[in-house]
Amino acid sequence: MMTTSTVERPASSTGRVRPPYSLATEVRRQASRPRTRIALGFMVVLPLIILLAFEFGGDGDDTPTGGGAFASLVDLATTGGANFAMFTLLVSSSFLLVVVTALFFGDTVASEASWGTLRYLLAIPVPRARLLGVKLVAALLSTALALVLLVGTALLAGTLRYGWEPLRSTVADELDPWTALVRIAAATGYIGVSLLTVAMLAFLLSVTTDAPLGAVGGAVLLYILSSILDQIDALGVVRDFLPTHFTDAWVGLLSTPIQWDAMIRGTISALGYATFFGVLAFWRFLRKDIVS
């Protein structure tokens, strides 16, 4: 006589059935990994390194050289905590934050496959869509925390060293510290949105390969390739469709009035690419034969 068996999910003390794999579980697992601690720790250390570089790097020329918002961020980096935070965002957004984001998203599924634990998670059983969704949200939280730590440390260290001064720029009016704080938050948010492209590309590669380094490196290399192509003026309007074309649009926040057009187009572009890569990642994973 044949009998069927069911897998019972553990119940909590309140009698409710616990989900087979929760976000809290994934967050704890990711927080315990050395790569997460090192990446987040470096977000705190980097602003301090930049601060020391300004302190011991020589006097230089204190006269602003002009040349747009980028030049003003470099020239005025030591004029206050707000300017120092903006400068830190400038030097870290083009590469460091890209690598950290690709690490959090590209390593999350591929590492499970390389360790051989992915099929055991699915055998608990954990629905594939739930597993992938939990890992995606955990990676998003890790990236957001990295951004907050970087900007928060830069703002705190810069304020302690250079004072709570207005945000200055050679292309805009001087902004009081509280208005500057809003601009910094907006710049951080825009950078976070623009990073979604490389994040979801790394996530797609993570569900495609069993090699974490391949997923992380592949996303970073494609980002670099897009950045190189974006420098070729002969491509004309084609550059507008490159995922990296609007990554620096947040500098428009330093202008008077604020230049919103490029940031709006950049947000639409980033969300479009992220949605495409995300849907493709879920489609690929839900149909993938997990053999490792």
C-alpha atoms as a PDB file:
ATOM      1  CA  MET A   1       0.000   0.000   0.000  1.00  0.00           C
ATOM      2  CA  MET A   2       1.495   3.303  -1.088  1.00  0.00           C
ATOM      3  CA  THR A   3       1.538   6.228   1.264  1.00  0.00           C
ATOM      4  CA  THR A   4       2.409   9.827   0.625  1.00  0.00           C
ATOM      5  CA  SER A   5       4.536  11.857   2.953  1.00  0.00           C
ATOM      6  CA  THR A   6       4.671  15.581   3.399  1.00  0.00           C
ATOM      7  CA  VAL A   7       7.488  17.790   4.542  1.00  0.00           C
ATOM      8  CA  GLU A   8       6.400  19.693   7.623  1.00  0.00           C
ATOM      9  CA  ARG A   9       7.679  23.181   8.111  1.00  0.00           C
ATOM     10  CA  PRO A  10       8.831  24.150  11.604  1.00  0.00           C
ATOM     11  CA  ALA A  11       6.361  26.127  13.648  1.00  0.00           C
ATOM     12  CA  SER A  12       7.262  29.094  15.757  1.00  0.00           C
ATOM     13  CA  SER A  13       6.394  29.489  19.433  1.00  0.00           C
ATOM     14  CA  THR A  14       3.207  31.295  18.403  1.00  0.00           C
ATOM     15  CA  GLY A  15       2.051  28.326  16.390  1.00  0.00           C
ATOM     16  CA  ARG A  16       2.620  29.979  13.038  1.00  0.00           C
ATOM     17  CA  VAL A  17       4.381  28.030  10.309  1.00  0.00           C
ATOM     18  CA  ARG A  18       7.761  29.545   9.582  1.00  0.00           C
ATOM     19  CA  PRO A  19       8.729  30.173   5.966  1.00  0.00           C
ATOM     20  CA  PRO A  20      11.193  27.616   4.602  1.00  0.00           C
ATOM     21  CA  TYR A  21      13.862  30.285   4.084  1.00  0.00           C
ATOM     22  CA  SER A  22      13.553  33.761   5.548  1.00  0.00           C
ATOM     23  CA  LEU A  23      15.262  37.053   4.783  1.00  0.00           C
ATOM     24  CA  ALA A  24      16.642  37.159   8.332  1.00  0.00           C
ATOM     25  CA  THR A  25      18.326  33.799   7.745  1.00  0.00           C
ATOM     26  CA  GLU A  26      19.954  34.991   4.543  1.00  0.00           C
ATOM     27  CA  VAL A  27      21.063  38.284   6.100  1.00  0.00           C
ATOM     28  CA  ARG A  28      22.715  36.410   8.976  1.00  0.00           C
ATOM     29  CA  ARG A  29      24.454  34.061   6.543  1.00  0.00           C
ATOM     30  CA  GLN A  30      25.750  36.932   4.423  1.00  0.00           C
ATOM     31  CA  ALA A  31      26.820  38.957   7.470  1.00  0.00           C
ATOM     32  CA  SER A  32      28.898  36.034   8.716  1.00  0.00           C
ATOM     33  CA  ARG A  33      30.911  35.834   5.504  1.00  0.00           C
ATOM     34  CA  PRO A  34      34.382  37.442   5.456  1.00  0.00           C
ATOM     35  CA  ARG A  35      33.839  39.119   2.066  1.00  0.00           C
ATOM     36  CA  THR A  36      30.829  40.996   3.441  1.00  0.00           C
ATOM     37  CA  ARG A  37      32.697  42.189   6.514  1.00  0.00           C
ATOM     38  CA  ILE A  38      35.740  43.220   4.491  1.00  0.00           C
ATOM     39  CA  ALA A  39      33.668  45.094   1.898  1.00  0.00           C
ATOM     40  CA  LEU A  40      31.615  46.944   4.499  1.00  0.00           C
ATOM     41  CA  GLY A  41      34.686  47.612   6.610  1.00  0.00           C
ATOM     42  CA  PHE A  42      36.433  49.169   3.635  1.00  0.00           C
ATOM     43  CA  MET A  43      33.490  51.536   3.182  1.00  0.00           C
ATOM     44  CA  VAL A  44      34.379  52.939   6.601  1.00  0.00           C
ATOM     45  CA  VAL A  45      38.136  52.930   6.055  1.00  0.00           C
ATOM     46  CA  LEU A  46      38.166  54.598   2.620  1.00  0.00           C
ATOM     47  CA  PRO A  47      37.009  58.079   3.758  1.00  0.00           C
ATOM     48  CA  LEU A  48      39.611  57.979   6.513  1.00  0.00           C
ATOM     49  CA  ILE A  49      42.308  57.111   3.980  1.00  0.00           C
ATOM     50  CA  ILE A  50      41.222  60.020   1.788  1.00  0.00           C
ATOM     51  CA  LEU A  51      41.249  62.310   4.819  1.00  0.00           C
ATOM     52  CA  LEU A  52      44.798  61.235   5.688  1.00  0.00           C
ATOM     53  CA  ALA A  53      45.834  61.736   2.071  1.00  0.00           C
ATOM     54  CA  PHE A  54      44.674  65.354   2.244  1.00  0.00           C
ATOM     55  CA  GLU A  55      46.415  65.818   5.585  1.00  0.00           C
ATOM     56  CA  PHE A  56      49.812  64.445   4.575  1.00  0.00           C
ATOM     57  CA  GLY A  57      49.736  64.910   0.821  1.00  0.00           C
ATOM     58  CA  GLY A  58      51.165  68.423   0.796  1.00  0.00           C
ATOM     59  CA  ASP A  59      49.631  71.866   0.674  1.00  0.00           C
ATOM     60  CA  GLY A  60      49.097  72.139  -3.089  1.00  0.00           C
ATOM     61  CA  ASP A  61      47.220  75.031  -4.636  1.00  0.00           C
ATOM     62  CA  ASP A  62      44.133  76.094  -2.679  1.00  0.00           C
ATOM     63  CA  THR A  63      42.775  78.243  -5.505  1.00  0.00           C
ATOM     64  CA  PRO A  64      39.828  76.624  -7.311  1.00  0.00           C
ATOM     65  CA  THR A  65      40.721  75.832 -10.915  1.00  0.00           C
ATOM     66  CA  GLY A  66      37.143  75.836 -12.250  1.00  0.00           C
ATOM     67  CA  GLY A  67      36.214  73.552 -15.110  1.00  0.00           C
ATOM     68  CA  GLY A  68      32.770  72.428 -14.026  1.00  0.00           C
ATOM     69  CA  ALA A  69      31.234  70.539 -11.145  1.00  0.00           C
ATOM     70  CA  PHE A  70      33.807  67.753 -11.127  1.00  0.00           C
ATOM     71  CA  ALA A  71      36.690  70.214 -10.833  1.00  0.00           C
ATOM     72  CA  SER A  72      34.913  72.110  -8.060  1.00  0.00           C
ATOM     73  CA  LEU A  73      34.486  68.918  -6.035  1.00  0.00           C
ATOM     74  CA  VAL A  74      38.225  68.311  -6.240  1.00  0.00           C
ATOM     75  CA  ASP A  75      39.197  71.911  -5.566  1.00  0.00           C
ATOM     76  CA  LEU A  76      36.817  72.399  -2.639  1.00  0.00           C
ATOM     77  CA  ALA A  77      36.965  68.935  -1.049  1.00  0.00           C
ATOM     78  CA  THR A  78      38.503  70.247   2.167  1.00  0.00           C
ATOM     79  CA  THR A  79      36.249  73.270   2.662  1.00  0.00           C
ATOM     80  CA  GLY A  80      33.702  71.426   4.796  1.00  0.00           C
ATOM     81  CA  GLY A  81      32.167  68.106   5.670  1.00  0.00           C
ATOM     82  CA  ALA A  82      29.564  68.313   2.893  1.00  0.00           C
ATOM     83  CA  ASN A  83      32.158  68.944   0.208  1.00  0.00           C
ATOM     84  CA  PHE A  84      34.326  66.149   1.555  1.00  0.00           C
ATOM     85  CA  ALA A  85      31.394  63.718   1.413  1.00  0.00           C
ATOM     86  CA  MET A  86      30.615  64.730  -2.179  1.00  0.00           C
ATOM     87  CA  PHE A  87      34.266  64.298  -3.140  1.00  0.00           C
ATOM     88  CA  THR A  88      34.302  60.827  -1.571  1.00  0.00           C
ATOM     89  CA  LEU A  89      31.251  59.898  -3.640  1.00  0.00           C
ATOM     90  CA  LEU A  90      32.986  61.193  -6.748  1.00  0.00           C
ATOM     91  CA  VAL A  91      36.141  59.119  -6.356  1.00  0.00           C
ATOM     92  CA  SER A  92      34.351  55.933  -5.311  1.00  0.00           C
ATOM     93  CA  SER A  93      31.288  55.833  -7.573  1.00  0.00           C
ATOM     94  CA  SER A  94      33.085  55.142 -10.848  1.00  0.00           C
ATOM     95  CA  PHE A  95      34.800  51.907  -9.797  1.00  0.00           C
ATOM     96  CA  LEU A  96      34.894  50.956  -6.111  1.00  0.00           C
ATOM     97  CA  LEU A  97      31.136  50.961  -5.591  1.00  0.00           C
ATOM     98  CA  VAL A  98      30.722  49.081  -8.872  1.00  0.00           C
ATOM     99  CA  VAL A  99      33.024  46.305  -7.660  1.00  0.00           C
ATOM    100  CA  VAL A 100      31.373  46.110  -4.234  1.00  0.00           C
ATOM    101  CA  THR A 101      27.899  45.968  -5.790  1.00  0.00           C
ATOM    102  CA  ALA A 102      28.959  43.298  -8.264  1.00  0.00           C
ATOM    103  CA  LEU A 103      30.453  41.337  -5.378  1.00  0.00           C
ATOM    104  CA  PHE A 104      27.257  41.335  -3.333  1.00  0.00           C
ATOM    105  CA  PHE A 105      25.041  40.387  -6.265  1.00  0.00           C
ATOM    106  CA  GLY A 106      27.371  38.194  -8.305  1.00  0.00           C
ATOM    107  CA  ASP A 107      28.545  36.041  -5.434  1.00  0.00           C
ATOM    108  CA  THR A 108      25.205  35.342  -3.771  1.00  0.00           C
ATOM    109  CA  VAL A 109      23.920  32.402  -5.889  1.00  0.00           C
ATOM    110  CA  ALA A 110      27.088  31.307  -7.670  1.00  0.00           C
ATOM    111  CA  SER A 111      28.877  30.732  -4.355  1.00  0.00           C
ATOM    112  CA  GLU A 112      26.088  28.404  -3.191  1.00  0.00           C
ATOM    113  CA  ALA A 113      26.413  26.447  -6.417  1.00  0.00           C
ATOM    114  CA  SER A 114      30.201  26.244  -6.152  1.00  0.00           C
ATOM    115  CA  TRP A 115      29.966  24.971  -2.558  1.00  0.00           C
ATOM    116  CA  GLY A 116      27.345  22.402  -3.495  1.00  0.00           C
ATOM    117  CA  THR A 117      24.803  23.800  -1.023  1.00  0.00           C
ATOM    118  CA  LEU A 118      22.366  25.193  -3.586  1.00  0.00           C
ATOM    119  CA  ARG A 119      20.609  21.896  -4.261  1.00  0.00           C
ATOM    120  CA  TYR A 120      20.328  21.193  -0.530  1.00  0.00           C
ATOM    121  CA  LEU A 121      18.625  24.559   0.016  1.00  0.00           C
ATOM    122  CA  LEU A 122      16.154  23.684  -2.721  1.00  0.00           C
ATOM    123  CA  ALA A 123      15.574  20.281  -1.134  1.00  0.00           C
ATOM    124  CA  ILE A 124      14.484  21.720   2.256  1.00  0.00           C
ATOM    125  CA  PRO A 125      12.241  22.480   0.257  1.00  0.00           C
ATOM    126  CA  VAL A 126      12.666  26.142  -0.596  1.00  0.00           C
ATOM    127  CA  PRO A 127      10.744  27.358  -3.658  1.00  0.00           C
ATOM    128  CA  ARG A 128      13.182  28.630  -6.249  1.00  0.00           C
ATOM    129  CA  ALA A 129      11.450  31.967  -6.649  1.00  0.00           C
ATOM    130  CA  ARG A 130      11.517  32.531  -2.882  1.00  0.00           C
ATOM    131  CA  LEU A 131      15.187  31.572  -2.600  1.00  0.00           C
ATOM    132  CA  LEU A 132      16.160  33.921  -5.394  1.00  0.00           C
ATOM    133  CA  GLY A 133      13.957  36.728  -4.071  1.00  0.00           C
ATOM    134  CA  VAL A 134      15.417  36.452  -0.570  1.00  0.00           C
ATOM    135  CA  LYS A 135      18.966  36.531  -1.918  1.00  0.00           C
ATOM    136  CA  LEU A 136      18.134  39.503  -4.122  1.00  0.00           C
ATOM    137  CA  VAL A 137      16.720  41.537  -1.229  1.00  0.00           C
ATOM    138  CA  ALA A 138      19.690  40.617   0.994  1.00  0.00           C
ATOM    139  CA  ALA A 139      22.096  41.813  -1.706  1.00  0.00           C
ATOM    140  CA  LEU A 140      20.121  45.054  -2.056  1.00  0.00           C
ATOM    141  CA  LEU A 141      20.315  45.638   1.700  1.00  0.00           C
ATOM    142  CA  SER A 142      24.074  44.961   1.720  1.00  0.00           C
ATOM    143  CA  THR A 143      24.663  47.438  -1.101  1.00  0.00           C
ATOM    144  CA  ALA A 144      22.479  50.078   0.553  1.00  0.00           C
ATOM    145  CA  LEU A 145      24.371  49.595   3.816  1.00  0.00           C
ATOM    146  CA  ALA A 146      27.680  49.988   1.988  1.00  0.00           C
ATOM    147  CA  LEU A 147      26.522  53.305   0.518  1.00  0.00           C
ATOM    148  CA  VAL A 148      25.272  54.580   3.863  1.00  0.00           C
ATOM    149  CA  LEU A 149      28.500  53.609   5.621  1.00  0.00           C
ATOM    150  CA  LEU A 150      30.640  55.279   2.958  1.00  0.00           C
ATOM    151  CA  VAL A 151      28.717  58.558   2.888  1.00  0.00           C
ATOM    152  CA  GLY A 152      28.031  58.600   6.609  1.00  0.00           C
ATOM    153  CA  THR A 153      31.685  58.080   7.507  1.00  0.00           C
ATOM    154  CA  ALA A 154      32.834  60.679   4.981  1.00  0.00           C
ATOM    155  CA  LEU A 155      30.330  63.219   6.269  1.00  0.00           C
ATOM    156  CA  LEU A 156      31.224  62.583   9.909  1.00  0.00           C
ATOM    157  CA  ALA A 157      34.984  62.544   9.383  1.00  0.00           C
ATOM    158  CA  GLY A 158      34.875  65.568   7.065  1.00  0.00           C
ATOM    159  CA  THR A 159      32.715  67.551   9.483  1.00  0.00           C
ATOM    160  CA  LEU A 160      34.949  66.755  12.439  1.00  0.00           C
ATOM    161  CA  ARG A 161      38.019  67.831  10.496  1.00  0.00           C
ATOM    162  CA  TYR A 162      36.763  70.666   8.275  1.00  0.00           C
ATOM    163  CA  GLY A 163      33.619  71.809  10.080  1.00  0.00           C
ATOM    164  CA  TRP A 164      29.867  71.923   9.400  1.00  0.00           C
ATOM    165  CA  GLU A 165      30.232  74.338   6.493  1.00  0.00           C
ATOM    166  CA  PRO A 166      28.029  75.172   3.490  1.00  0.00           C
ATOM    167  CA  LEU A 167      28.339  73.125   0.309  1.00  0.00           C
ATOM    168  CA  ARG A 168      30.391  75.150  -2.143  1.00  0.00           C
ATOM    169  CA  SER A 169      30.698  74.769  -5.892  1.00  0.00           C
ATOM    170  CA  THR A 170      32.087  76.866  -8.729  1.00  0.00           C
ATOM    171  CA  VAL A 171      28.939  76.256 -10.788  1.00  0.00           C
ATOM    172  CA  ALA A 172      26.232  76.881  -8.170  1.00  0.00           C
ATOM    173  CA  ASP A 173      25.186  79.059  -5.290  1.00  0.00           C
ATOM    174  CA  GLU A 174      26.506  78.268  -1.844  1.00  0.00           C
ATOM    175  CA  LEU A 175      24.156  75.893  -0.026  1.00  0.00           C
ATOM    176  CA  ASP A 176      23.608  75.916   3.720  1.00  0.00           C
ATOM    177  CA  PRO A 177      24.647  72.689   5.507  1.00  0.00           C
ATOM    178  CA  TRP A 178      21.105  71.326   5.917  1.00  0.00           C
ATOM    179  CA  THR A 179      20.256  71.875   2.257  1.00  0.00           C
ATOM    180  CA  ALA A 180      23.611  70.314   1.419  1.00  0.00           C
ATOM    181  CA  LEU A 181      22.621  67.274   3.471  1.00  0.00           C
ATOM    182  CA  VAL A 182      19.533  66.832   1.295  1.00  0.00           C
ATOM    183  CA  ARG A 183      21.664  67.129  -1.856  1.00  0.00           C
ATOM    184  CA  ILE A 184      24.092  64.517  -0.529  1.00  0.00           C
ATOM    185  CA  ALA A 185      21.210  62.153   0.232  1.00  0.00           C
ATOM    186  CA  ALA A 186      19.811  62.706  -3.268  1.00  0.00           C
ATOM    187  CA  ALA A 187      23.219  62.064  -4.853  1.00  0.00           C
ATOM    188  CA  THR A 188      23.621  58.886  -2.816  1.00  0.00           C
ATOM    189  CA  GLY A 189      20.169  57.717  -3.833  1.00  0.00           C
ATOM    190  CA  TYR A 190      20.824  58.374  -7.506  1.00  0.00           C
ATOM    191  CA  ILE A 191      24.127  56.518  -7.389  1.00  0.00           C
ATOM    192  CA  GLY A 192      22.325  53.618  -5.722  1.00  0.00           C
ATOM    193  CA  VAL A 193      19.758  53.536  -8.528  1.00  0.00           C
ATOM    194  CA  SER A 194      22.442  53.742 -11.220  1.00  0.00           C
ATOM    195  CA  LEU A 195      24.244  50.802  -9.613  1.00  0.00           C
ATOM    196  CA  LEU A 196      21.166  48.621 -10.155  1.00  0.00           C
ATOM    197  CA  THR A 197      22.299  47.970 -13.716  1.00  0.00           C
ATOM    198  CA  VAL A 198      25.581  46.339 -12.750  1.00  0.00           C
ATOM    199  CA  ALA A 199      23.856  44.742  -9.747  1.00  0.00           C
ATOM    200  CA  MET A 200      21.228  42.917 -11.773  1.00  0.00           C
ATOM    201  CA  LEU A 201      23.734  42.011 -14.487  1.00  0.00           C
ATOM    202  CA  ALA A 202      25.923  40.403 -11.816  1.00  0.00           C
ATOM    203  CA  PHE A 203      22.823  38.699 -10.407  1.00  0.00           C
ATOM    204  CA  LEU A 204      21.989  37.286 -13.847  1.00  0.00           C
ATOM    205  CA  LEU A 205      25.534  35.977 -14.251  1.00  0.00           C
ATOM    206  CA  SER A 206      25.374  34.546 -10.726  1.00  0.00           C
ATOM    207  CA  VAL A 207      22.431  32.292 -11.598  1.00  0.00           C
ATOM    208  CA  THR A 208      24.059  31.363 -14.897  1.00  0.00           C
ATOM    209  CA  THR A 209      27.491  30.253 -13.718  1.00  0.00           C
ATOM    210  CA  ASP A 210      28.864  28.237 -10.802  1.00  0.00           C
ATOM    211  CA  ALA A 211      31.958  30.456 -10.599  1.00  0.00           C
ATOM    212  CA  PRO A 212      31.485  33.484  -8.275  1.00  0.00           C
ATOM    213  CA  LEU A 213      34.573  35.202  -9.662  1.00  0.00           C
ATOM    214  CA  GLY A 214      33.200  34.839 -13.172  1.00  0.00           C
ATOM    215  CA  ALA A 215      29.894  36.449 -12.204  1.00  0.00           C
ATOM    216  CA  VAL A 216      31.534  39.349 -10.371  1.00  0.00           C
ATOM    217  CA  GLY A 217      34.305  39.873 -12.900  1.00  0.00           C
ATOM    218  CA  GLY A 218      31.983  39.543 -15.870  1.00  0.00           C
ATOM    219  CA  ALA A 219      29.675  42.275 -14.592  1.00  0.00           C
ATOM    220  CA  VAL A 220      32.591  44.610 -13.832  1.00  0.00           C
ATOM    221  CA  LEU A 221      34.224  44.006 -17.223  1.00  0.00           C
ATOM    222  CA  LEU A 222      30.995  44.717 -19.101  1.00  0.00           C
ATOM    223  CA  TYR A 223      30.567  47.901 -17.041  1.00  0.00           C
ATOM    224  CA  ILE A 224      34.098  48.983 -17.949  1.00  0.00           C
ATOM    225  CA  LEU A 225      33.460  48.190 -21.621  1.00  0.00           C
ATOM    226  CA  SER A 226      30.325  50.347 -21.566  1.00  0.00           C
ATOM    227  CA  SER A 227      32.303  53.176 -19.935  1.00  0.00           C
ATOM    228  CA  ILE A 228      34.973  52.980 -22.630  1.00  0.00           C
ATOM    229  CA  LEU A 229      32.413  53.035 -25.437  1.00  0.00           C
ATOM    230  CA  ASP A 230      30.742  56.011 -23.789  1.00  0.00           C
ATOM    231  CA  GLN A 231      33.927  58.008 -24.357  1.00  0.00           C
ATOM    232  CA  ILE A 232      33.758  57.545 -28.135  1.00  0.00           C
ATOM    233  CA  ASP A 233      32.000  60.610 -29.510  1.00  0.00           C
ATOM    234  CA  ALA A 234      31.682  59.013 -32.946  1.00  0.00           C
ATOM    235  CA  LEU A 235      28.956  56.736 -31.563  1.00  0.00           C
ATOM    236  CA  GLY A 236      26.654  59.736 -31.332  1.00  0.00           C
ATOM    237  CA  VAL A 237      23.173  59.037 -29.955  1.00  0.00           C
ATOM    238  CA  VAL A 238      24.095  55.381 -29.472  1.00  0.00           C
ATOM    239  CA  ARG A 239      25.881  56.435 -26.312  1.00  0.00           C
ATOM    240  CA  ASP A 240      22.557  57.476 -24.781  1.00  0.00           C
ATOM    241  CA  PHE A 241      21.570  53.812 -24.649  1.00  0.00           C
ATOM    242  CA  LEU A 242      24.721  52.654 -22.909  1.00  0.00           C
ATOM    243  CA  PRO A 243      24.054  51.662 -19.272  1.00  0.00           C
ATOM    244  CA  THR A 244      26.894  53.876 -18.030  1.00  0.00           C
ATOM    245  CA  HIS A 245      26.064  57.037 -19.982  1.00  0.00           C
ATOM    246  CA  PHE A 246      24.173  58.759 -17.161  1.00  0.00           C
ATOM    247  CA  THR A 247      26.098  57.422 -14.162  1.00  0.00           C
ATOM    248  CA  ASP A 248      27.615  60.845 -13.382  1.00  0.00           C
ATOM    249  CA  ALA A 249      24.363  62.775 -13.810  1.00  0.00           C
ATOM    250  CA  TRP A 250      24.135  63.250 -10.023  1.00  0.00           C
ATOM    251  CA  VAL A 251      26.649  66.079 -10.369  1.00  0.00           C
ATOM    252  CA  GLY A 252      23.706  68.094 -11.696  1.00  0.00           C
ATOM    253  CA  LEU A 253      22.671  68.439  -8.057  1.00  0.00           C
ATOM    254  CA  LEU A 254      25.548  70.899  -7.648  1.00  0.00           C
ATOM    255  CA  SER A 255      24.179  73.255 -10.285  1.00  0.00           C
ATOM    256  CA  THR A 256      21.875  76.213  -9.793  1.00  0.00           C
ATOM    257  CA  PRO A 257      19.201  75.431 -10.756  1.00  0.00           C
ATOM    258  CA  ILE A 258      19.452  71.656 -10.382  1.00  0.00           C
ATOM    259  CA  GLN A 259      19.881  69.822 -13.680  1.00  0.00           C
ATOM    260  CA  TRP A 260      17.170  67.159 -13.463  1.00  0.00           C
ATOM    261  CA  ASP A 261      16.971  66.051 -17.095  1.00  0.00           C
ATOM    262  CA  ALA A 262      20.011  63.780 -17.156  1.00  0.00           C
ATOM    263  CA  MET A 263      19.134  62.273 -13.763  1.00  0.00           C
ATOM    264  CA  ILE A 264      15.596  61.458 -14.877  1.00  0.00           C
ATOM    265  CA  ARG A 265      16.861  59.823 -18.053  1.00  0.00           C
ATOM    266  CA  GLY A 266      19.523  57.994 -16.062  1.00  0.00           C
ATOM    267  CA  THR A 267      16.949  56.690 -13.593  1.00  0.00           C
ATOM    268  CA  ILE A 268      14.723  55.408 -16.399  1.00  0.00           C
ATOM    269  CA  SER A 269      17.708  53.777 -18.093  1.00  0.00           C
ATOM    270  CA  ALA A 270      18.948  52.099 -14.911  1.00  0.00           C
ATOM    271  CA  LEU A 271      15.506  50.798 -13.941  1.00  0.00           C
ATOM    272  CA  GLY A 272      14.939  49.544 -17.474  1.00  0.00           C
ATOM    273  CA  TYR A 273      18.202  47.601 -17.620  1.00  0.00           C
ATOM    274  CA  ALA A 274      17.764  46.329 -14.056  1.00  0.00           C
ATOM    275  CA  THR A 275      14.252  45.071 -14.775  1.00  0.00           C
ATOM    276  CA  PHE A 276      15.383  43.324 -17.948  1.00  0.00           C
ATOM    277  CA  PHE A 277      18.341  41.596 -16.277  1.00  0.00           C
ATOM    278  CA  GLY A 278      16.260  40.748 -13.198  1.00  0.00           C
ATOM    279  CA  VAL A 279      13.437  39.131 -15.155  1.00  0.00           C
ATOM    280  CA  LEU A 280      15.975  37.210 -17.212  1.00  0.00           C
ATOM    281  CA  ALA A 281      17.712  36.029 -14.021  1.00  0.00           C
ATOM    282  CA  PHE A 282      14.470  34.680 -12.531  1.00  0.00           C
ATOM    283  CA  TRP A 283      13.484  33.080 -15.853  1.00  0.00           C
ATOM    284  CA  ARG A 284      16.892  31.397 -16.096  1.00  0.00           C
ATOM    285  CA  PHE A 285      16.994  30.178 -12.498  1.00  0.00           C
ATOM    286  CA  LEU A 286      13.443  28.797 -12.434  1.00  0.00           C
ATOM    287  CA  ARG A 287      14.293  26.615 -15.442  1.00  0.00           C
ATOM    288  CA  LYS A 288      17.849  25.745 -14.551  1.00  0.00           C
ATOM    289  CA  ASP A 289      18.843  22.145 -13.860  1.00  0.00           C
ATOM    290  CA  ILE A 290      20.607  22.321 -10.502  1.00  0.00           C
ATOM    291  CA  VAL A 291      23.221  19.573 -10.587  1.00  0.00           C
ATOM    292  CA  SER A 292      25.925  20.947  -8.291  1.00  0.00           C
END
